[in-house]
Full PDB file with SEQRES, HELIX, SHEET, SSBOND, CRYST1, ORIGX, SCALE, CONECT and MASTER records, all heavy atoms in Angstrom:
SEQRES   1 A   35  THR HIS SER HIS PHE LEU PRO SER PRO GLU ALA GLY GLY          
SEQRES   2 A   35  GLY GLN SER GLY GLY TYR THR ARG LEU TYR THR LEU LEU          
SEQRES   3 A   35  GLU ARG GLN ARG ALA ALA ALA PRO GLY                          
HELIX    1 AA1 TYR A   19  ALA A   32  1                                  14    
SHEET    1 AA1 2 SER A   8  PRO A   9  0                                        
SHEET    2 AA1 2 GLN A  15  SER A  16 -1                                        
CRYST1    1.000    1.000    1.000  90.00  90.00  90.00 P 1           1          
ORIGX1      1.000000  0.000000  0.000000        0.00000                         
ORIGX2      0.000000  1.000000  0.000000        0.00000                         
ORIGX3      0.000000  0.000000  1.000000        0.00000                         
SCALE1      1.000000  0.000000  0.000000        0.00000                         
SCALE2      0.000000  1.000000  0.000000        0.00000                         
SCALE3      0.000000  0.000000  1.000000        0.00000                         
ATOM      1  N   THR A   1       7.211  -5.325  -6.576  1.00  0.00           N  
ATOM      2  CA  THR A   1       5.805  -5.373  -6.354  1.00  0.00           C  
ATOM      3  C   THR A   1       5.142  -6.538  -7.079  1.00  0.00           C  
ATOM      4  O   THR A   1       4.027  -6.973  -6.751  1.00  0.00           O  
ATOM      5  CB  THR A   1       5.121  -4.140  -6.790  1.00  0.00           C  
ATOM      6  OG1 THR A   1       5.462  -3.793  -8.186  1.00  0.00           O  
ATOM      7  CG2 THR A   1       5.497  -2.908  -5.877  1.00  0.00           C  
ATOM      8  N   HIS A   2       5.824  -7.113  -8.048  1.00  0.00           N  
ATOM      9  CA  HIS A   2       5.465  -8.436  -8.725  1.00  0.00           C  
ATOM     10  C   HIS A   2       3.905  -8.507  -9.103  1.00  0.00           C  
ATOM     11  O   HIS A   2       3.277  -9.470  -8.755  1.00  0.00           O  
ATOM     12  CB  HIS A   2       5.797  -9.545  -7.834  1.00  0.00           C  
ATOM     13  CG  HIS A   2       7.275  -9.763  -7.770  1.00  0.00           C  
ATOM     14  ND1 HIS A   2       8.096 -10.230  -8.746  1.00  0.00           N  
ATOM     15  CD2 HIS A   2       8.182  -9.457  -6.683  1.00  0.00           C  
ATOM     16  CE1 HIS A   2       9.342 -10.266  -8.360  1.00  0.00           C  
ATOM     17  NE2 HIS A   2       9.419  -9.813  -7.170  1.00  0.00           N  
ATOM     18  N   SER A   3       3.396  -7.457  -9.772  1.00  0.00           N  
ATOM     19  CA  SER A   3       2.037  -7.492 -10.286  1.00  0.00           C  
ATOM     20  C   SER A   3       1.012  -7.669  -9.237  1.00  0.00           C  
ATOM     21  O   SER A   3      -0.092  -8.147  -9.520  1.00  0.00           O  
ATOM     22  CB  SER A   3       1.877  -8.605 -11.367  1.00  0.00           C  
ATOM     23  OG  SER A   3       2.786  -8.414 -12.474  1.00  0.00           O  
ATOM     24  N   HIS A   4       1.276  -7.314  -8.037  1.00  0.00           N  
ATOM     25  CA  HIS A   4       0.239  -7.470  -6.877  1.00  0.00           C  
ATOM     26  C   HIS A   4      -0.665  -6.252  -6.867  1.00  0.00           C  
ATOM     27  O   HIS A   4      -0.544  -5.418  -5.973  1.00  0.00           O  
ATOM     28  CB  HIS A   4       0.973  -7.672  -5.538  1.00  0.00           C  
ATOM     29  CG  HIS A   4       1.571  -9.033  -5.375  1.00  0.00           C  
ATOM     30  ND1 HIS A   4       0.806 -10.146  -5.060  1.00  0.00           N  
ATOM     31  CD2 HIS A   4       2.850  -9.478  -5.582  1.00  0.00           C  
ATOM     32  CE1 HIS A   4       1.602 -11.194  -5.059  1.00  0.00           C  
ATOM     33  NE2 HIS A   4       2.796 -10.838  -5.384  1.00  0.00           N  
ATOM     34  N   PHE A   5      -1.567  -6.253  -7.860  1.00  0.00           N  
ATOM     35  CA  PHE A   5      -2.575  -5.207  -7.895  1.00  0.00           C  
ATOM     36  C   PHE A   5      -3.515  -5.287  -6.763  1.00  0.00           C  
ATOM     37  O   PHE A   5      -3.969  -4.253  -6.211  1.00  0.00           O  
ATOM     38  CB  PHE A   5      -3.411  -5.323  -9.205  1.00  0.00           C  
ATOM     39  CG  PHE A   5      -2.668  -4.803 -10.410  1.00  0.00           C  
ATOM     40  CD1 PHE A   5      -1.820  -5.637 -11.084  1.00  0.00           C  
ATOM     41  CD2 PHE A   5      -2.788  -3.515 -10.848  1.00  0.00           C  
ATOM     42  CE1 PHE A   5      -1.142  -5.174 -12.256  1.00  0.00           C  
ATOM     43  CE2 PHE A   5      -2.140  -3.058 -11.980  1.00  0.00           C  
ATOM     44  CZ  PHE A   5      -1.257  -3.875 -12.677  1.00  0.00           C  
ATOM     45  N   LEU A   6      -3.846  -6.494  -6.323  1.00  0.00           N  
ATOM     46  CA  LEU A   6      -4.907  -6.692  -5.201  1.00  0.00           C  
ATOM     47  C   LEU A   6      -4.150  -7.069  -3.922  1.00  0.00           C  
ATOM     48  O   LEU A   6      -3.084  -7.664  -3.973  1.00  0.00           O  
ATOM     49  CB  LEU A   6      -5.787  -7.755  -5.597  1.00  0.00           C  
ATOM     50  CG  LEU A   6      -6.527  -7.556  -6.962  1.00  0.00           C  
ATOM     51  CD1 LEU A   6      -7.289  -8.890  -7.299  1.00  0.00           C  
ATOM     52  CD2 LEU A   6      -7.423  -6.393  -6.866  1.00  0.00           C  
ATOM     53  N   PRO A   7      -4.722  -6.741  -2.840  1.00  0.00           N  
ATOM     54  CA  PRO A   7      -4.085  -7.067  -1.462  1.00  0.00           C  
ATOM     55  C   PRO A   7      -4.049  -8.545  -1.362  1.00  0.00           C  
ATOM     56  O   PRO A   7      -4.932  -9.310  -1.930  1.00  0.00           O  
ATOM     57  CB  PRO A   7      -5.079  -6.482  -0.477  1.00  0.00           C  
ATOM     58  CG  PRO A   7      -5.810  -5.415  -1.206  1.00  0.00           C  
ATOM     59  CD  PRO A   7      -5.917  -5.842  -2.629  1.00  0.00           C  
ATOM     60  N   SER A   8      -3.163  -9.034  -0.617  1.00  0.00           N  
ATOM     61  CA  SER A   8      -3.023 -10.498  -0.278  1.00  0.00           C  
ATOM     62  C   SER A   8      -3.266 -10.755   1.172  1.00  0.00           C  
ATOM     63  O   SER A   8      -2.921 -10.026   1.988  1.00  0.00           O  
ATOM     64  CB  SER A   8      -1.566 -10.957  -0.632  1.00  0.00           C  
ATOM     65  OG  SER A   8      -1.256 -10.735  -1.982  1.00  0.00           O  
ATOM     66  N   PRO A   9      -4.003 -11.790   1.460  1.00  0.00           N  
ATOM     67  CA  PRO A   9      -4.265 -12.158   2.853  1.00  0.00           C  
ATOM     68  C   PRO A   9      -2.985 -12.558   3.569  1.00  0.00           C  
ATOM     69  O   PRO A   9      -2.077 -13.120   3.037  1.00  0.00           O  
ATOM     70  CB  PRO A   9      -5.237 -13.320   2.774  1.00  0.00           C  
ATOM     71  CG  PRO A   9      -5.144 -13.893   1.436  1.00  0.00           C  
ATOM     72  CD  PRO A   9      -4.594 -12.867   0.522  1.00  0.00           C  
ATOM     73  N   GLU A  10      -2.931 -12.150   4.864  1.00  0.00           N  
ATOM     74  CA  GLU A  10      -1.789 -12.490   5.742  1.00  0.00           C  
ATOM     75  C   GLU A  10      -2.265 -13.458   6.763  1.00  0.00           C  
ATOM     76  O   GLU A  10      -3.436 -13.609   7.058  1.00  0.00           O  
ATOM     77  CB  GLU A  10      -1.260 -11.291   6.401  1.00  0.00           C  
ATOM     78  CG  GLU A  10      -0.496 -10.295   5.557  1.00  0.00           C  
ATOM     79  CD  GLU A  10       0.073  -9.133   6.428  1.00  0.00           C  
ATOM     80  OE1 GLU A  10      -0.395  -8.891   7.526  1.00  0.00           O  
ATOM     81  OE2 GLU A  10       1.036  -8.511   5.964  1.00  0.00           O  
ATOM     82  N   ALA A  11      -1.320 -14.129   7.392  1.00  0.00           N  
ATOM     83  CA  ALA A  11      -1.644 -15.002   8.580  1.00  0.00           C  
ATOM     84  C   ALA A  11      -2.143 -14.053   9.656  1.00  0.00           C  
ATOM     85  O   ALA A  11      -1.675 -13.008   9.917  1.00  0.00           O  
ATOM     86  CB  ALA A  11      -0.431 -15.688   9.054  1.00  0.00           C  
ATOM     87  N   GLY A  12      -3.199 -14.495  10.311  1.00  0.00           N  
ATOM     88  CA  GLY A  12      -3.790 -13.755  11.381  1.00  0.00           C  
ATOM     89  C   GLY A  12      -4.960 -12.808  10.890  1.00  0.00           C  
ATOM     90  O   GLY A  12      -5.526 -12.088  11.684  1.00  0.00           O  
ATOM     91  N   GLY A  13      -5.348 -12.925   9.625  1.00  0.00           N  
ATOM     92  CA  GLY A  13      -6.550 -12.266   9.148  1.00  0.00           C  
ATOM     93  C   GLY A  13      -6.355 -10.845   8.498  1.00  0.00           C  
ATOM     94  O   GLY A  13      -7.243 -10.357   7.887  1.00  0.00           O  
ATOM     95  N   GLY A  14      -5.144 -10.366   8.500  1.00  0.00           N  
ATOM     96  CA  GLY A  14      -4.900  -9.035   7.885  1.00  0.00           C  
ATOM     97  C   GLY A  14      -4.615  -9.171   6.431  1.00  0.00           C  
ATOM     98  O   GLY A  14      -4.763 -10.240   5.798  1.00  0.00           O  
ATOM     99  N   GLN A  15      -4.310  -8.053   5.816  1.00  0.00           N  
ATOM    100  CA  GLN A  15      -3.961  -7.985   4.374  1.00  0.00           C  
ATOM    101  C   GLN A  15      -2.671  -7.141   4.164  1.00  0.00           C  
ATOM    102  O   GLN A  15      -2.424  -6.271   4.955  1.00  0.00           O  
ATOM    103  CB  GLN A  15      -5.109  -7.390   3.605  1.00  0.00           C  
ATOM    104  CG  GLN A  15      -6.368  -8.240   3.475  1.00  0.00           C  
ATOM    105  CD  GLN A  15      -7.392  -7.588   2.587  1.00  0.00           C  
ATOM    106  OE1 GLN A  15      -7.431  -6.443   2.292  1.00  0.00           O  
ATOM    107  NE2 GLN A  15      -8.357  -8.438   2.161  1.00  0.00           N  
ATOM    108  N   SER A  16      -2.033  -7.437   3.112  1.00  0.00           N  
ATOM    109  CA  SER A  16      -0.854  -6.661   2.765  1.00  0.00           C  
ATOM    110  C   SER A  16      -0.832  -6.504   1.220  1.00  0.00           C  
ATOM    111  O   SER A  16      -1.386  -7.267   0.524  1.00  0.00           O  
ATOM    112  CB  SER A  16       0.484  -7.372   3.238  1.00  0.00           C  
ATOM    113  OG  SER A  16       0.647  -8.532   2.464  1.00  0.00           O  
ATOM    114  N   GLY A  17      -0.193  -5.434   0.854  1.00  0.00           N  
ATOM    115  CA  GLY A  17       0.013  -5.205  -0.607  1.00  0.00           C  
ATOM    116  C   GLY A  17      -1.209  -4.568  -1.245  1.00  0.00           C  
ATOM    117  O   GLY A  17      -2.107  -4.136  -0.581  1.00  0.00           O  
ATOM    118  N   GLY A  18      -1.180  -4.541  -2.563  1.00  0.00           N  
ATOM    119  CA  GLY A  18      -2.237  -3.921  -3.244  1.00  0.00           C  
ATOM    120  C   GLY A  18      -1.846  -2.504  -3.772  1.00  0.00           C  
ATOM    121  O   GLY A  18      -1.243  -1.737  -3.001  1.00  0.00           O  
ATOM    122  N   TYR A  19      -2.139  -2.195  -4.994  1.00  0.00           N  
ATOM    123  CA  TYR A  19      -1.745  -0.892  -5.513  1.00  0.00           C  
ATOM    124  C   TYR A  19      -2.540   0.254  -4.942  1.00  0.00           C  
ATOM    125  O   TYR A  19      -2.084   1.306  -4.824  1.00  0.00           O  
ATOM    126  CB  TYR A  19      -1.907  -0.927  -7.024  1.00  0.00           C  
ATOM    127  CG  TYR A  19      -0.768  -1.540  -7.775  1.00  0.00           C  
ATOM    128  CD1 TYR A  19       0.048  -2.528  -7.187  1.00  0.00           C  
ATOM    129  CD2 TYR A  19      -0.410  -1.165  -9.102  1.00  0.00           C  
ATOM    130  CE1 TYR A  19       1.136  -3.110  -7.880  1.00  0.00           C  
ATOM    131  CE2 TYR A  19       0.715  -1.667  -9.739  1.00  0.00           C  
ATOM    132  CZ  TYR A  19       1.455  -2.662  -9.145  1.00  0.00           C  
ATOM    133  OH  TYR A  19       2.499  -3.154  -9.758  1.00  0.00           O  
ATOM    134  N   THR A  20      -3.797  -0.010  -4.472  1.00  0.00           N  
ATOM    135  CA  THR A  20      -4.530   1.089  -3.920  1.00  0.00           C  
ATOM    136  C   THR A  20      -3.967   1.449  -2.575  1.00  0.00           C  
ATOM    137  O   THR A  20      -3.887   2.612  -2.169  1.00  0.00           O  
ATOM    138  CB  THR A  20      -6.046   0.759  -3.770  1.00  0.00           C  
ATOM    139  OG1 THR A  20      -6.184  -0.471  -3.004  1.00  0.00           O  
ATOM    140  CG2 THR A  20      -6.703   0.624  -5.079  1.00  0.00           C  
ATOM    141  N   ARG A  21      -3.554   0.461  -1.796  1.00  0.00           N  
ATOM    142  CA  ARG A  21      -2.897   0.715  -0.530  1.00  0.00           C  
ATOM    143  C   ARG A  21      -1.571   1.450  -0.754  1.00  0.00           C  
ATOM    144  O   ARG A  21      -1.171   2.385  -0.048  1.00  0.00           O  
ATOM    145  CB  ARG A  21      -2.601  -0.586   0.165  1.00  0.00           C  
ATOM    146  CG  ARG A  21      -3.847  -1.230   0.763  1.00  0.00           C  
ATOM    147  CD  ARG A  21      -3.487  -2.646   1.314  1.00  0.00           C  
ATOM    148  NE  ARG A  21      -4.566  -3.040   2.134  1.00  0.00           N  
ATOM    149  CZ  ARG A  21      -4.452  -3.396   3.409  1.00  0.00           C  
ATOM    150  NH1 ARG A  21      -3.227  -3.487   3.997  1.00  0.00           N  
ATOM    151  NH2 ARG A  21      -5.469  -3.717   4.048  1.00  0.00           N  
ATOM    152  N   LEU A  22      -0.819   1.018  -1.752  1.00  0.00           N  
ATOM    153  CA  LEU A  22       0.472   1.696  -2.052  1.00  0.00           C  
ATOM    154  C   LEU A  22       0.251   3.100  -2.466  1.00  0.00           C  
ATOM    155  O   LEU A  22       0.944   4.051  -2.004  1.00  0.00           O  
ATOM    156  CB  LEU A  22       1.213   0.896  -3.170  1.00  0.00           C  
ATOM    157  CG  LEU A  22       2.503   1.537  -3.693  1.00  0.00           C  
ATOM    158  CD1 LEU A  22       3.480   1.670  -2.614  1.00  0.00           C  
ATOM    159  CD2 LEU A  22       3.001   0.697  -4.877  1.00  0.00           C  
ATOM    160  N   TYR A  23      -0.779   3.362  -3.303  1.00  0.00           N  
ATOM    161  CA  TYR A  23      -1.043   4.764  -3.729  1.00  0.00           C  
ATOM    162  C   TYR A  23      -1.439   5.616  -2.500  1.00  0.00           C  
ATOM    163  O   TYR A  23      -0.946   6.757  -2.444  1.00  0.00           O  
ATOM    164  CB  TYR A  23      -2.149   4.692  -4.765  1.00  0.00           C  
ATOM    165  CG  TYR A  23      -2.576   6.097  -5.213  1.00  0.00           C  
ATOM    166  CD1 TYR A  23      -1.681   6.842  -6.087  1.00  0.00           C  
ATOM    167  CD2 TYR A  23      -3.773   6.723  -4.835  1.00  0.00           C  
ATOM    168  CE1 TYR A  23      -2.041   8.116  -6.496  1.00  0.00           C  
ATOM    169  CE2 TYR A  23      -4.108   7.969  -5.281  1.00  0.00           C  
ATOM    170  CZ  TYR A  23      -3.226   8.659  -6.110  1.00  0.00           C  
ATOM    171  OH  TYR A  23      -3.558   9.917  -6.491  1.00  0.00           O  
ATOM    172  N   THR A  24      -2.219   5.094  -1.641  1.00  0.00           N  
ATOM    173  CA  THR A  24      -2.623   5.838  -0.439  1.00  0.00           C  
ATOM    174  C   THR A  24      -1.336   6.233   0.382  1.00  0.00           C  
ATOM    175  O   THR A  24      -1.138   7.373   0.851  1.00  0.00           O  
ATOM    176  CB  THR A  24      -3.571   5.039   0.467  1.00  0.00           C  
ATOM    177  OG1 THR A  24      -4.744   4.808  -0.324  1.00  0.00           O  
ATOM    178  CG2 THR A  24      -3.934   5.805   1.710  1.00  0.00           C  
ATOM    179  N   LEU A  25      -0.443   5.275   0.600  1.00  0.00           N  
ATOM    180  CA  LEU A  25       0.816   5.516   1.304  1.00  0.00           C  
ATOM    181  C   LEU A  25       1.660   6.558   0.628  1.00  0.00           C  
ATOM    182  O   LEU A  25       2.243   7.464   1.259  1.00  0.00           O  
ATOM    183  CB  LEU A  25       1.561   4.212   1.577  1.00  0.00           C  
ATOM    184  CG  LEU A  25       0.952   3.211   2.470  1.00  0.00           C  
ATOM    185  CD1 LEU A  25       1.684   1.936   2.470  1.00  0.00           C  
ATOM    186  CD2 LEU A  25       0.865   3.723   3.912  1.00  0.00           C  
ATOM    187  N   LEU A  26       1.748   6.459  -0.715  1.00  0.00           N  
ATOM    188  CA  LEU A  26       2.564   7.367  -1.460  1.00  0.00           C  
ATOM    189  C   LEU A  26       1.985   8.778  -1.335  1.00  0.00           C  
ATOM    190  O   LEU A  26       2.800   9.792  -1.105  1.00  0.00           O  
ATOM    191  CB  LEU A  26       2.629   7.029  -2.913  1.00  0.00           C  
ATOM    192  CG  LEU A  26       3.458   5.721  -3.225  1.00  0.00           C  
ATOM    193  CD1 LEU A  26       3.301   5.378  -4.679  1.00  0.00           C  
ATOM    194  CD2 LEU A  26       4.925   5.936  -2.891  1.00  0.00           C  
ATOM    195  N   GLU A  27       0.683   8.920  -1.439  1.00  0.00           N  
ATOM    196  CA  GLU A  27       0.043  10.257  -1.348  1.00  0.00           C  
ATOM    197  C   GLU A  27       0.238  10.835   0.026  1.00  0.00           C  
ATOM    198  O   GLU A  27       0.473  12.074   0.181  1.00  0.00           O  
ATOM    199  CB  GLU A  27      -1.422  10.188  -1.667  1.00  0.00           C  
ATOM    200  CG  GLU A  27      -1.632  10.003  -3.182  1.00  0.00           C  
ATOM    201  CD  GLU A  27      -1.160  11.139  -4.002  1.00  0.00           C  
ATOM    202  OE1 GLU A  27      -1.561  12.271  -3.767  1.00  0.00           O  
ATOM    203  OE2 GLU A  27      -0.221  10.909  -4.827  1.00  0.00           O  
ATOM    204  N   ARG A  28       0.122  10.057   1.078  1.00  0.00           N  
ATOM    205  CA  ARG A  28       0.400  10.538   2.447  1.00  0.00           C  
ATOM    206  C   ARG A  28       1.810  11.047   2.556  1.00  0.00           C  
ATOM    207  O   ARG A  28       2.048  12.155   3.203  1.00  0.00           O  
ATOM    208  CB  ARG A  28       0.158   9.435   3.480  1.00  0.00           C  
ATOM    209  CG  ARG A  28      -1.338   9.129   3.692  1.00  0.00           C  
ATOM    210  CD  ARG A  28      -1.527   8.105   4.761  1.00  0.00           C  
ATOM    211  NE  ARG A  28      -2.897   7.687   4.793  1.00  0.00           N  
ATOM    212  CZ  ARG A  28      -3.324   6.602   5.417  1.00  0.00           C  
ATOM    213  NH1 ARG A  28      -2.460   5.752   6.024  1.00  0.00           N  
ATOM    214  NH2 ARG A  28      -4.610   6.281   5.468  1.00  0.00           N  
ATOM    215  N   GLN A  29       2.827  10.344   2.077  1.00  0.00           N  
ATOM    216  CA  GLN A  29       4.155  10.731   2.219  1.00  0.00           C  
ATOM    217  C   GLN A  29       4.456  11.976   1.415  1.00  0.00           C  
ATOM    218  O   GLN A  29       5.192  12.845   1.789  1.00  0.00           O  
ATOM    219  CB  GLN A  29       5.072   9.557   1.766  1.00  0.00           C  
ATOM    220  CG  GLN A  29       5.101   8.383   2.696  1.00  0.00           C  
ATOM    221  CD  GLN A  29       5.616   8.750   4.070  1.00  0.00           C  
ATOM    222  OE1 GLN A  29       6.501   9.425   4.282  1.00  0.00           O  
ATOM    223  NE2 GLN A  29       4.848   8.268   5.105  1.00  0.00           N  
ATOM    224  N   ARG A  30       3.846  12.092   0.212  1.00  0.00           N  
ATOM    225  CA  ARG A  30       4.036  13.256  -0.601  1.00  0.00           C  
ATOM    226  C   ARG A  30       3.477  14.495   0.096  1.00  0.00           C  
ATOM    227  O   ARG A  30       4.105  15.536   0.028  1.00  0.00           O  
ATOM    228  CB  ARG A  30       3.399  13.068  -1.952  1.00  0.00           C  
ATOM    229  CG  ARG A  30       4.108  12.091  -2.859  1.00  0.00           C  
ATOM    230  CD  ARG A  30       3.371  11.836  -4.138  1.00  0.00           C  
ATOM    231  NE  ARG A  30       3.987  10.836  -4.960  1.00  0.00           N  
ATOM    232  CZ  ARG A  30       3.375   9.936  -5.655  1.00  0.00           C  
ATOM    233  NH1 ARG A  30       2.068   9.841  -5.655  1.00  0.00           N  
ATOM    234  NH2 ARG A  30       4.051   9.040  -6.345  1.00  0.00           N  
ATOM    235  N   ALA A  31       2.297  14.330   0.713  1.00  0.00           N  
ATOM    236  CA  ALA A  31       1.661  15.466   1.405  1.00  0.00           C  
ATOM    237  C   ALA A  31       2.487  15.934   2.555  1.00  0.00           C  
ATOM    238  O   ALA A  31       2.482  17.085   2.938  1.00  0.00           O  
ATOM    239  CB  ALA A  31       0.284  15.123   1.786  1.00  0.00           C  
ATOM    240  N   ALA A  32       3.131  15.015   3.271  1.00  0.00           N  
ATOM    241  CA  ALA A  32       3.858  15.286   4.486  1.00  0.00           C  
ATOM    242  C   ALA A  32       5.240  15.780   4.191  1.00  0.00           C  
ATOM    243  O   ALA A  32       5.957  16.311   5.092  1.00  0.00           O  
ATOM    244  CB  ALA A  32       3.909  14.094   5.387  1.00  0.00           C  
ATOM    245  N   ALA A  33       5.773  15.577   3.007  1.00  0.00           N  
ATOM    246  CA  ALA A  33       7.145  15.930   2.684  1.00  0.00           C  
ATOM    247  C   ALA A  33       7.335  17.488   2.657  1.00  0.00           C  
ATOM    248  O   ALA A  33       6.495  18.215   2.108  1.00  0.00           O  
ATOM    249  CB  ALA A  33       7.572  15.375   1.339  1.00  0.00           C  
ATOM    250  N   PRO A  34       8.400  17.984   3.294  1.00  0.00           N  
ATOM    251  CA  PRO A  34       8.610  19.384   3.367  1.00  0.00           C  
ATOM    252  C   PRO A  34       9.103  19.999   2.057  1.00  0.00           C  
ATOM    253  O   PRO A  34       9.085  21.233   1.902  1.00  0.00           O  
ATOM    254  CB  PRO A  34       9.713  19.531   4.436  1.00  0.00           C  
ATOM    255  CG  PRO A  34      10.433  18.245   4.371  1.00  0.00           C  
ATOM    256  CD  PRO A  34       9.433  17.180   4.021  1.00  0.00           C  
ATOM    257  N   GLY A  35       9.599  19.294   1.115  1.00  0.00           N  
ATOM    258  CA  GLY A  35      10.099  19.771  -0.118  1.00  0.00           C  
ATOM    259  C   GLY A  35       9.655  18.862  -1.306  1.00  0.00           C  
ATOM    260  O   GLY A  35       8.730  18.133  -1.235  1.00  0.00           O  
TER     261      GLY A  35                                                      
MASTER        0    0    0    1    2    0    0    6  260    1    0    3          
END                                                                             
């Protein structure tokens, strides 16, 4: 993750990375996990 606390701009106008995005994804996966 190389200290990427903040999202980085991507080609085409989108963004990637960022700890808040990562946290959101982790929470979604934890909530959906059966065990």
